[in-house]
Amino acid sequence: GQLDLVHVDLREGGAWRFAYGMKDG
């Protein structure tokens, strides 16, 4: 499977966020 969302703000203090889709509710 794969990440549905990958957000990378590659700087010190920058946010990152990875999301996986629905599985088992």
mmCIF file of all heavy atoms, coordinates in Angstrom:
data_MODEL
# 
_entry.id   MODEL 
# 
loop_
_atom_site.group_PDB 
_atom_site.id 
_atom_site.type_symbol 
_atom_site.label_atom_id 
_atom_site.label_alt_id 
_atom_site.label_comp_id 
_atom_site.label_asym_id 
_atom_site.label_entity_id 
_atom_site.label_seq_id 
_atom_site.pdbx_PDB_ins_code 
_atom_site.Cartn_x 
_atom_site.Cartn_y 
_atom_site.Cartn_z 
_atom_site.occupancy 
_atom_site.B_iso_or_equiv 
_atom_site.pdbx_formal_charge 
_atom_site.auth_seq_id 
_atom_site.auth_comp_id 
_atom_site.auth_asym_id 
_atom_site.auth_atom_id 
_atom_site.pdbx_PDB_model_num 
ATOM 1   N N   . GLY A 1 1  ? 0.842   -1.183 0.000  1.00 0.00 ? 1  GLY A N   1 
ATOM 2   C CA  . GLY A 1 1  ? 0.000   0.000  0.000  1.00 0.00 ? 1  GLY A CA  1 
ATOM 3   C C   . GLY A 1 1  ? 0.874   1.228  0.000  1.00 0.00 ? 1  GLY A C   1 
ATOM 4   O O   . GLY A 1 1  ? 2.099   1.146  0.072  1.00 0.00 ? 1  GLY A O   1 
ATOM 5   N N   . GLN A 1 2  ? 0.234   2.345  -0.080 1.00 0.00 ? 2  GLN A N   1 
ATOM 6   C CA  . GLN A 1 2  ? 0.974   3.576  -0.286 1.00 0.00 ? 2  GLN A CA  1 
ATOM 7   C C   . GLN A 1 2  ? 0.375   4.693  0.551  1.00 0.00 ? 2  GLN A C   1 
ATOM 8   O O   . GLN A 1 2  ? -0.787  4.644  0.921  1.00 0.00 ? 2  GLN A O   1 
ATOM 9   C CB  . GLN A 1 2  ? 0.875   3.936  -1.775 1.00 0.00 ? 2  GLN A CB  1 
ATOM 10  C CG  . GLN A 1 2  ? 1.987   4.786  -2.271 1.00 0.00 ? 2  GLN A CG  1 
ATOM 11  C CD  . GLN A 1 2  ? 1.914   4.918  -3.795 1.00 0.00 ? 2  GLN A CD  1 
ATOM 12  O OE1 . GLN A 1 2  ? 1.832   3.931  -4.501 1.00 0.00 ? 2  GLN A OE1 1 
ATOM 13  N NE2 . GLN A 1 2  ? 1.945   6.139  -4.269 1.00 0.00 ? 2  GLN A NE2 1 
ATOM 14  N N   . LEU A 1 3  ? 1.190   5.678  0.809  1.00 0.00 ? 3  LEU A N   1 
ATOM 15  C CA  . LEU A 1 3  ? 0.683   6.871  1.475  1.00 0.00 ? 3  LEU A CA  1 
ATOM 16  C C   . LEU A 1 3  ? -0.257  7.592  0.510  1.00 0.00 ? 3  LEU A C   1 
ATOM 17  O O   . LEU A 1 3  ? 0.030   7.697  -0.673 1.00 0.00 ? 3  LEU A O   1 
ATOM 18  C CB  . LEU A 1 3  ? 1.846   7.800  1.828  1.00 0.00 ? 3  LEU A CB  1 
ATOM 19  C CG  . LEU A 1 3  ? 2.835   7.275  2.863  1.00 0.00 ? 3  LEU A CG  1 
ATOM 20  C CD1 . LEU A 1 3  ? 4.072   8.170  2.909  1.00 0.00 ? 3  LEU A CD1 1 
ATOM 21  C CD2 . LEU A 1 3  ? 2.178   7.223  4.220  1.00 0.00 ? 3  LEU A CD2 1 
ATOM 22  N N   . ASP A 1 4  ? -1.368  8.095  1.037  1.00 0.00 ? 4  ASP A N   1 
ATOM 23  C CA  . ASP A 1 4  ? -2.304  8.856  0.211  1.00 0.00 ? 4  ASP A CA  1 
ATOM 24  C C   . ASP A 1 4  ? -1.884  10.312 0.131  1.00 0.00 ? 4  ASP A C   1 
ATOM 25  O O   . ASP A 1 4  ? -2.188  11.001 -0.835 1.00 0.00 ? 4  ASP A O   1 
ATOM 26  C CB  . ASP A 1 4  ? -3.710  8.772  0.795  1.00 0.00 ? 4  ASP A CB  1 
ATOM 27  C CG  . ASP A 1 4  ? -4.250  7.359  0.745  1.00 0.00 ? 4  ASP A CG  1 
ATOM 28  O OD1 . ASP A 1 4  ? -4.044  6.683  -0.282 1.00 0.00 ? 4  ASP A OD1 1 
ATOM 29  O OD2 . ASP A 1 4  ? -4.847  6.917  1.742  1.00 0.00 ? 4  ASP A OD2 1 
ATOM 30  N N   . LEU A 1 5  ? -1.221  10.781 1.157  1.00 0.00 ? 5  LEU A N   1 
ATOM 31  C CA  . LEU A 1 5  ? -0.803  12.176 1.196  1.00 0.00 ? 5  LEU A CA  1 
ATOM 32  C C   . LEU A 1 5  ? 0.591   12.263 1.788  1.00 0.00 ? 5  LEU A C   1 
ATOM 33  O O   . LEU A 1 5  ? 0.873   11.606 2.791  1.00 0.00 ? 5  LEU A O   1 
ATOM 34  C CB  . LEU A 1 5  ? -1.781  12.977 2.068  1.00 0.00 ? 5  LEU A CB  1 
ATOM 35  C CG  . LEU A 1 5  ? -1.449  14.454 2.275  1.00 0.00 ? 5  LEU A CG  1 
ATOM 36  C CD1 . LEU A 1 5  ? -2.711  15.263 2.261  1.00 0.00 ? 5  LEU A CD1 1 
ATOM 37  C CD2 . LEU A 1 5  ? -0.703  14.665 3.580  1.00 0.00 ? 5  LEU A CD2 1 
ATOM 38  N N   . VAL A 1 6  ? 1.461   13.022 1.157  1.00 0.00 ? 6  VAL A N   1 
ATOM 39  C CA  . VAL A 1 6  ? 2.794   13.292 1.691  1.00 0.00 ? 6  VAL A CA  1 
ATOM 40  C C   . VAL A 1 6  ? 3.025   14.792 1.553  1.00 0.00 ? 6  VAL A C   1 
ATOM 41  O O   . VAL A 1 6  ? 3.058   15.327 0.449  1.00 0.00 ? 6  VAL A O   1 
ATOM 42  C CB  . VAL A 1 6  ? 3.904   12.533 0.919  1.00 0.00 ? 6  VAL A CB  1 
ATOM 43  C CG1 . VAL A 1 6  ? 5.273   12.921 1.453  1.00 0.00 ? 6  VAL A CG1 1 
ATOM 44  C CG2 . VAL A 1 6  ? 3.705   11.033 1.021  1.00 0.00 ? 6  VAL A CG2 1 
ATOM 45  N N   . HIS A 1 7  ? 3.156   15.456 2.695  1.00 0.00 ? 7  HIS A N   1 
ATOM 46  C CA  . HIS A 1 7  ? 3.462   16.888 2.706  1.00 0.00 ? 7  HIS A CA  1 
ATOM 47  C C   . HIS A 1 7  ? 4.788   17.060 3.430  1.00 0.00 ? 7  HIS A C   1 
ATOM 48  O O   . HIS A 1 7  ? 4.948   16.581 4.555  1.00 0.00 ? 7  HIS A O   1 
ATOM 49  C CB  . HIS A 1 7  ? 2.368   17.680 3.429  1.00 0.00 ? 7  HIS A CB  1 
ATOM 50  C CG  . HIS A 1 7  ? 2.756   19.099 3.695  1.00 0.00 ? 7  HIS A CG  1 
ATOM 51  N ND1 . HIS A 1 7  ? 2.695   20.075 2.725  1.00 0.00 ? 7  HIS A ND1 1 
ATOM 52  C CD2 . HIS A 1 7  ? 3.253   19.688 4.799  1.00 0.00 ? 7  HIS A CD2 1 
ATOM 53  C CE1 . HIS A 1 7  ? 3.143   21.215 3.246  1.00 0.00 ? 7  HIS A CE1 1 
ATOM 54  N NE2 . HIS A 1 7  ? 3.484   21.007 4.503  1.00 0.00 ? 7  HIS A NE2 1 
ATOM 55  N N   . VAL A 1 8  ? 5.755   17.706 2.777  1.00 0.00 ? 8  VAL A N   1 
ATOM 56  C CA  . VAL A 1 8  ? 7.073   17.933 3.358  1.00 0.00 ? 8  VAL A CA  1 
ATOM 57  C C   . VAL A 1 8  ? 7.436   19.404 3.180  1.00 0.00 ? 8  VAL A C   1 
ATOM 58  O O   . VAL A 1 8  ? 7.566   19.886 2.058  1.00 0.00 ? 8  VAL A O   1 
ATOM 59  C CB  . VAL A 1 8  ? 8.142   17.049 2.659  1.00 0.00 ? 8  VAL A CB  1 
ATOM 60  C CG1 . VAL A 1 8  ? 9.536   17.424 3.122  1.00 0.00 ? 8  VAL A CG1 1 
ATOM 61  C CG2 . VAL A 1 8  ? 7.866   15.574 2.904  1.00 0.00 ? 8  VAL A CG2 1 
ATOM 62  N N   . ASP A 1 9  ? 7.554   20.123 4.287  1.00 0.00 ? 9  ASP A N   1 
ATOM 63  C CA  . ASP A 1 9  ? 8.057   21.507 4.269  1.00 0.00 ? 9  ASP A CA  1 
ATOM 64  C C   . ASP A 1 9  ? 9.459   21.433 4.863  1.00 0.00 ? 9  ASP A C   1 
ATOM 65  O O   . ASP A 1 9  ? 9.649   21.586 6.069  1.00 0.00 ? 9  ASP A O   1 
ATOM 66  C CB  . ASP A 1 9  ? 7.145   22.418 5.085  1.00 0.00 ? 9  ASP A CB  1 
ATOM 67  C CG  . ASP A 1 9  ? 7.610   23.870 5.083  1.00 0.00 ? 9  ASP A CG  1 
ATOM 68  O OD1 . ASP A 1 9  ? 8.606   24.193 4.391  1.00 0.00 ? 9  ASP A OD1 1 
ATOM 69  O OD2 . ASP A 1 9  ? 6.977   24.687 5.781  1.00 0.00 ? 9  ASP A OD2 1 
ATOM 70  N N   . LEU A 1 10 ? 10.441  21.143 3.996  1.00 0.00 ? 10 LEU A N   1 
ATOM 71  C CA  . LEU A 1 10 ? 11.785  20.803 4.439  1.00 0.00 ? 10 LEU A CA  1 
ATOM 72  C C   . LEU A 1 10 ? 12.587  22.042 4.829  1.00 0.00 ? 10 LEU A C   1 
ATOM 73  O O   . LEU A 1 10 ? 13.404  22.544 4.073  1.00 0.00 ? 10 LEU A O   1 
ATOM 74  C CB  . LEU A 1 10 ? 12.516  20.007 3.347  1.00 0.00 ? 10 LEU A CB  1 
ATOM 75  C CG  . LEU A 1 10 ? 13.818  19.345 3.795  1.00 0.00 ? 10 LEU A CG  1 
ATOM 76  C CD1 . LEU A 1 10 ? 13.561  18.338 4.900  1.00 0.00 ? 10 LEU A CD1 1 
ATOM 77  C CD2 . LEU A 1 10 ? 14.520  18.689 2.619  1.00 0.00 ? 10 LEU A CD2 1 
ATOM 78  N N   . ARG A 1 11 ? 12.306  22.497 6.034  1.00 0.00 ? 11 ARG A N   1 
ATOM 79  C CA  . ARG A 1 11 ? 13.074  23.585 6.660  1.00 0.00 ? 11 ARG A CA  1 
ATOM 80  C C   . ARG A 1 11 ? 12.896  23.415 8.155  1.00 0.00 ? 11 ARG A C   1 
ATOM 81  O O   . ARG A 1 11 ? 11.919  22.813 8.603  1.00 0.00 ? 11 ARG A O   1 
ATOM 82  C CB  . ARG A 1 11 ? 12.573  24.952 6.193  1.00 0.00 ? 11 ARG A CB  1 
ATOM 83  C CG  . ARG A 1 11 ? 11.139  25.212 6.521  1.00 0.00 ? 11 ARG A CG  1 
ATOM 84  C CD  . ARG A 1 11 ? 10.596  26.510 5.920  1.00 0.00 ? 11 ARG A CD  1 
ATOM 85  N NE  . ARG A 1 11 ? 9.167   26.581 6.195  1.00 0.00 ? 11 ARG A NE  1 
ATOM 86  C CZ  . ARG A 1 11 ? 8.633   27.053 7.312  1.00 0.00 ? 11 ARG A CZ  1 
ATOM 87  N NH1 . ARG A 1 11 ? 9.392   27.530 8.285  1.00 0.00 ? 11 ARG A NH1 1 
ATOM 88  N NH2 . ARG A 1 11 ? 7.327   27.061 7.485  1.00 0.00 ? 11 ARG A NH2 1 
ATOM 89  N N   . GLU A 1 12 ? 13.873  23.895 8.916  1.00 0.00 ? 12 GLU A N   1 
ATOM 90  C CA  . GLU A 1 12 ? 13.756  23.759 10.367 1.00 0.00 ? 12 GLU A CA  1 
ATOM 91  C C   . GLU A 1 12 ? 12.517  24.516 10.829 1.00 0.00 ? 12 GLU A C   1 
ATOM 92  O O   . GLU A 1 12 ? 12.322  25.668 10.461 1.00 0.00 ? 12 GLU A O   1 
ATOM 93  C CB  . GLU A 1 12 ? 15.044  24.224 11.036 1.00 0.00 ? 12 GLU A CB  1 
ATOM 94  C CG  . GLU A 1 12 ? 16.169  23.239 10.698 1.00 0.00 ? 12 GLU A CG  1 
ATOM 95  C CD  . GLU A 1 12 ? 17.503  23.532 11.366 1.00 0.00 ? 12 GLU A CD  1 
ATOM 96  O OE1 . GLU A 1 12 ? 17.597  24.469 12.175 1.00 0.00 ? 12 GLU A OE1 1 
ATOM 97  O OE2 . GLU A 1 12 ? 18.463  22.787 11.070 1.00 0.00 ? 12 GLU A OE2 1 
ATOM 98  N N   . GLY A 1 13 ? 11.657  23.833 11.563 1.00 0.00 ? 13 GLY A N   1 
ATOM 99  C CA  . GLY A 1 13 ? 10.370  24.388 11.968 1.00 0.00 ? 13 GLY A CA  1 
ATOM 100 C C   . GLY A 1 13 ? 9.256   24.058 10.997 1.00 0.00 ? 13 GLY A C   1 
ATOM 101 O O   . GLY A 1 13 ? 8.084   24.256 11.301 1.00 0.00 ? 13 GLY A O   1 
ATOM 102 N N   . GLY A 1 14 ? 9.613   23.546 9.809  1.00 0.00 ? 14 GLY A N   1 
ATOM 103 C CA  . GLY A 1 14 ? 8.611   23.191 8.794  1.00 0.00 ? 14 GLY A CA  1 
ATOM 104 C C   . GLY A 1 14 ? 7.873   21.923 9.180  1.00 0.00 ? 14 GLY A C   1 
ATOM 105 O O   . GLY A 1 14 ? 8.422   21.028 9.817  1.00 0.00 ? 14 GLY A O   1 
ATOM 106 N N   . ALA A 1 15 ? 6.621   21.857 8.783  1.00 0.00 ? 15 ALA A N   1 
ATOM 107 C CA  . ALA A 1 15 ? 5.777   20.705 9.127  1.00 0.00 ? 15 ALA A CA  1 
ATOM 108 C C   . ALA A 1 15 ? 5.895   19.602 8.077  1.00 0.00 ? 15 ALA A C   1 
ATOM 109 O O   . ALA A 1 15 ? 6.168   19.865 6.911  1.00 0.00 ? 15 ALA A O   1 
ATOM 110 C CB  . ALA A 1 15 ? 4.325   21.152 9.235  1.00 0.00 ? 15 ALA A CB  1 
ATOM 111 N N   . TRP A 1 16 ? 5.677   18.373 8.528  1.00 0.00 ? 16 TRP A N   1 
ATOM 112 C CA  . TRP A 1 16 ? 5.535   17.245 7.618  1.00 0.00 ? 16 TRP A CA  1 
ATOM 113 C C   . TRP A 1 16 ? 4.272   16.496 8.017  1.00 0.00 ? 16 TRP A C   1 
ATOM 114 O O   . TRP A 1 16 ? 3.847   16.538 9.176  1.00 0.00 ? 16 TRP A O   1 
ATOM 115 C CB  . TRP A 1 16 ? 6.777   16.325 7.640  1.00 0.00 ? 16 TRP A CB  1 
ATOM 116 C CG  . TRP A 1 16 ? 6.988   15.620 8.948  1.00 0.00 ? 16 TRP A CG  1 
ATOM 117 C CD1 . TRP A 1 16 ? 7.676   16.095 10.022 1.00 0.00 ? 16 TRP A CD1 1 
ATOM 118 C CD2 . TRP A 1 16 ? 6.482   14.348 9.336  1.00 0.00 ? 16 TRP A CD2 1 
ATOM 119 N NE1 . TRP A 1 16 ? 7.632   15.187 11.055 1.00 0.00 ? 16 TRP A NE1 1 
ATOM 120 C CE2 . TRP A 1 16 ? 6.911   14.107 10.652 1.00 0.00 ? 16 TRP A CE2 1 
ATOM 121 C CE3 . TRP A 1 16 ? 5.710   13.378 8.687  1.00 0.00 ? 16 TRP A CE3 1 
ATOM 122 C CZ2 . TRP A 1 16 ? 6.594   12.935 11.340 1.00 0.00 ? 16 TRP A CZ2 1 
ATOM 123 C CZ3 . TRP A 1 16 ? 5.386   12.213 9.374  1.00 0.00 ? 16 TRP A CZ3 1 
ATOM 124 C CH2 . TRP A 1 16 ? 5.833   12.005 10.686 1.00 0.00 ? 16 TRP A CH2 1 
ATOM 125 N N   . ARG A 1 17 ? 3.641   15.837 7.038  1.00 0.00 ? 17 ARG A N   1 
ATOM 126 C CA  . ARG A 1 17 ? 2.406   15.102 7.312  1.00 0.00 ? 17 ARG A CA  1 
ATOM 127 C C   . ARG A 1 17 ? 2.243   13.994 6.278  1.00 0.00 ? 17 ARG A C   1 
ATOM 128 O O   . ARG A 1 17 ? 2.357   14.256 5.081  1.00 0.00 ? 17 ARG A O   1 
ATOM 129 C CB  . ARG A 1 17 ? 1.222   16.057 7.243  1.00 0.00 ? 17 ARG A CB  1 
ATOM 130 C CG  . ARG A 1 17 ? -0.026  15.501 7.839  1.00 0.00 ? 17 ARG A CG  1 
ATOM 131 C CD  . ARG A 1 17 ? -1.095  16.594 7.952  1.00 0.00 ? 17 ARG A CD  1 
ATOM 132 N NE  . ARG A 1 17 ? -2.321  16.069 7.410  1.00 0.00 ? 17 ARG A NE  1 
ATOM 133 C CZ  . ARG A 1 17 ? -2.998  16.590 6.411  1.00 0.00 ? 17 ARG A CZ  1 
ATOM 134 N NH1 . ARG A 1 17 ? -2.619  17.697 5.831  1.00 0.00 ? 17 ARG A NH1 1 
ATOM 135 N NH2 . ARG A 1 17 ? -4.092  16.008 5.975  1.00 0.00 ? 17 ARG A NH2 1 
ATOM 136 N N   . PHE A 1 18 ? 2.011   12.779 6.753  1.00 0.00 ? 18 PHE A N   1 
ATOM 137 C CA  . PHE A 1 18 ? 1.758   11.638 5.886  1.00 0.00 ? 18 PHE A CA  1 
ATOM 138 C C   . PHE A 1 18 ? 0.404   11.069 6.286  1.00 0.00 ? 18 PHE A C   1 
ATOM 139 O O   . PHE A 1 18 ? 0.125   10.933 7.470  1.00 0.00 ? 18 PHE A O   1 
ATOM 140 C CB  . PHE A 1 18 ? 2.796   10.522 6.072  1.00 0.00 ? 18 PHE A CB  1 
ATOM 141 C CG  . PHE A 1 18 ? 4.237   10.933 5.869  1.00 0.00 ? 18 PHE A CG  1 
ATOM 142 C CD1 . PHE A 1 18 ? 5.244   10.119 6.343  1.00 0.00 ? 18 PHE A CD1 1 
ATOM 143 C CD2 . PHE A 1 18 ? 4.589   12.091 5.197  1.00 0.00 ? 18 PHE A CD2 1 
ATOM 144 C CE1 . PHE A 1 18 ? 6.582   10.459 6.164  1.00 0.00 ? 18 PHE A CE1 1 
ATOM 145 C CE2 . PHE A 1 18 ? 5.919   12.441 5.004  1.00 0.00 ? 18 PHE A CE2 1 
ATOM 146 C CZ  . PHE A 1 18 ? 6.914   11.614 5.493  1.00 0.00 ? 18 PHE A CZ  1 
ATOM 147 N N   . ALA A 1 19 ? -0.425  10.683 5.316  1.00 0.00 ? 19 ALA A N   1 
ATOM 148 C CA  . ALA A 1 19 ? -1.732  10.103 5.631  1.00 0.00 ? 19 ALA A CA  1 
ATOM 149 C C   . ALA A 1 19 ? -1.947  8.817  4.841  1.00 0.00 ? 19 ALA A C   1 
ATOM 150 O O   . ALA A 1 19 ? -1.566  8.722  3.673  1.00 0.00 ? 19 ALA A O   1 
ATOM 151 C CB  . ALA A 1 19 ? -2.843  11.098 5.327  1.00 0.00 ? 19 ALA A CB  1 
ATOM 152 N N   . TYR A 1 20 ? -2.553  7.841  5.525  1.00 0.00 ? 20 TYR A N   1 
ATOM 153 C CA  . TYR A 1 20 ? -2.941  6.569  4.934  1.00 0.00 ? 20 TYR A CA  1 
ATOM 154 C C   . TYR A 1 20 ? -4.453  6.544  4.857  1.00 0.00 ? 20 TYR A C   1 
ATOM 155 O O   . TYR A 1 20 ? -5.120  6.992  5.781  1.00 0.00 ? 20 TYR A O   1 
ATOM 156 C CB  . TYR A 1 20 ? -2.546  5.397  5.838  1.00 0.00 ? 20 TYR A CB  1 
ATOM 157 C CG  . TYR A 1 20 ? -1.081  5.199  6.058  1.00 0.00 ? 20 TYR A CG  1 
ATOM 158 C CD1 . TYR A 1 20 ? -0.412  5.889  7.068  1.00 0.00 ? 20 TYR A CD1 1 
ATOM 159 C CD2 . TYR A 1 20 ? -0.372  4.304  5.286  1.00 0.00 ? 20 TYR A CD2 1 
ATOM 160 C CE1 . TYR A 1 20 ? 0.940   5.684  7.292  1.00 0.00 ? 20 TYR A CE1 1 
ATOM 161 C CE2 . TYR A 1 20 ? 0.978   4.095  5.501  1.00 0.00 ? 20 TYR A CE2 1 
ATOM 162 C CZ  . TYR A 1 20 ? 1.630   4.783  6.505  1.00 0.00 ? 20 TYR A CZ  1 
ATOM 163 O OH  . TYR A 1 20 ? 2.955   4.578  6.723  1.00 0.00 ? 20 TYR A OH  1 
ATOM 164 N N   . GLY A 1 21 ? -4.992  5.965  3.800  1.00 0.00 ? 21 GLY A N   1 
ATOM 165 C CA  . GLY A 1 21 ? -6.438  5.926  3.615  1.00 0.00 ? 21 GLY A CA  1 
ATOM 166 C C   . GLY A 1 21 ? -7.167  5.036  4.592  1.00 0.00 ? 21 GLY A C   1 
ATOM 167 O O   . GLY A 1 21 ? -6.572  4.340  5.410  1.00 0.00 ? 21 GLY A O   1 
ATOM 168 N N   . MET A 1 22 ? -8.459  5.065  4.467  1.00 0.00 ? 22 MET A N   1 
ATOM 169 C CA  . MET A 1 22 ? -9.332  4.281  5.334  1.00 0.00 ? 22 MET A CA  1 
ATOM 170 C C   . MET A 1 22 ? -9.077  2.797  5.195  1.00 0.00 ? 22 MET A C   1 
ATOM 171 O O   . MET A 1 22 ? -8.953  2.274  4.105  1.00 0.00 ? 22 MET A O   1 
ATOM 172 C CB  . MET A 1 22 ? -10.795 4.547  4.989  1.00 0.00 ? 22 MET A CB  1 
ATOM 173 C CG  . MET A 1 22 ? -11.374 5.762  5.646  1.00 0.00 ? 22 MET A CG  1 
ATOM 174 S SD  . MET A 1 22 ? -11.454 5.553  7.436  1.00 0.00 ? 22 MET A SD  1 
ATOM 175 C CE  . MET A 1 22 ? -12.569 6.857  7.855  1.00 0.00 ? 22 MET A CE  1 
ATOM 176 N N   . LYS A 1 23 ? -9.009  2.131  6.335  1.00 0.00 ? 23 LYS A N   1 
ATOM 177 C CA  . LYS A 1 23 ? -8.901  0.682  6.380  1.00 0.00 ? 23 LYS A CA  1 
ATOM 178 C C   . LYS A 1 23 ? -9.548  0.277  7.691  1.00 0.00 ? 23 LYS A C   1 
ATOM 179 O O   . LYS A 1 23 ? -9.274  0.863  8.728  1.00 0.00 ? 23 LYS A O   1 
ATOM 180 C CB  . LYS A 1 23 ? -7.425  0.275  6.345  1.00 0.00 ? 23 LYS A CB  1 
ATOM 181 C CG  . LYS A 1 23 ? -7.217  -1.219 6.251  1.00 0.00 ? 23 LYS A CG  1 
ATOM 182 C CD  . LYS A 1 23 ? -5.728  -1.538 6.148  1.00 0.00 ? 23 LYS A CD  1 
ATOM 183 C CE  . LYS A 1 23 ? -5.504  -2.886 6.798  1.00 0.00 ? 23 LYS A CE  1 
ATOM 184 N NZ  . LYS A 1 23 ? -4.194  -3.037 7.362  1.00 0.00 ? 23 LYS A NZ  1 
ATOM 185 N N   . ASP A 1 24 ? -10.415 -0.681 7.648  1.00 0.00 ? 24 ASP A N   1 
ATOM 186 C CA  . ASP A 1 24 ? -11.116 -1.132 8.851  1.00 0.00 ? 24 ASP A CA  1 
ATOM 187 C C   . ASP A 1 24 ? -11.790 0.044  9.575  1.00 0.00 ? 24 ASP A C   1 
ATOM 188 O O   . ASP A 1 24 ? -11.781 0.115  10.805 1.00 0.00 ? 24 ASP A O   1 
ATOM 189 C CB  . ASP A 1 24 ? -10.158 -1.852 9.814  1.00 0.00 ? 24 ASP A CB  1 
ATOM 190 C CG  . ASP A 1 24 ? -9.456  -3.033 9.162  1.00 0.00 ? 24 ASP A CG  1 
ATOM 191 O OD1 . ASP A 1 24 ? -10.097 -3.690 8.317  1.00 0.00 ? 24 ASP A OD1 1 
ATOM 192 O OD2 . ASP A 1 24 ? -8.287  -3.283 9.485  1.00 0.00 ? 24 ASP A OD2 1 
ATOM 193 N N   . GLY A 1 25 ? -12.337 0.980  8.804  1.00 0.00 ? 25 GLY A N   1 
ATOM 194 C CA  . GLY A 1 25 ? -13.063 2.090  9.408  1.00 0.00 ? 25 GLY A CA  1 
ATOM 195 C C   . GLY A 1 25 ? -12.202 3.157  10.053 1.00 0.00 ? 25 GLY A C   1 
ATOM 196 O O   . GLY A 1 25 ? -12.686 3.978  10.812 1.00 0.00 ? 25 GLY A O   1 
# 
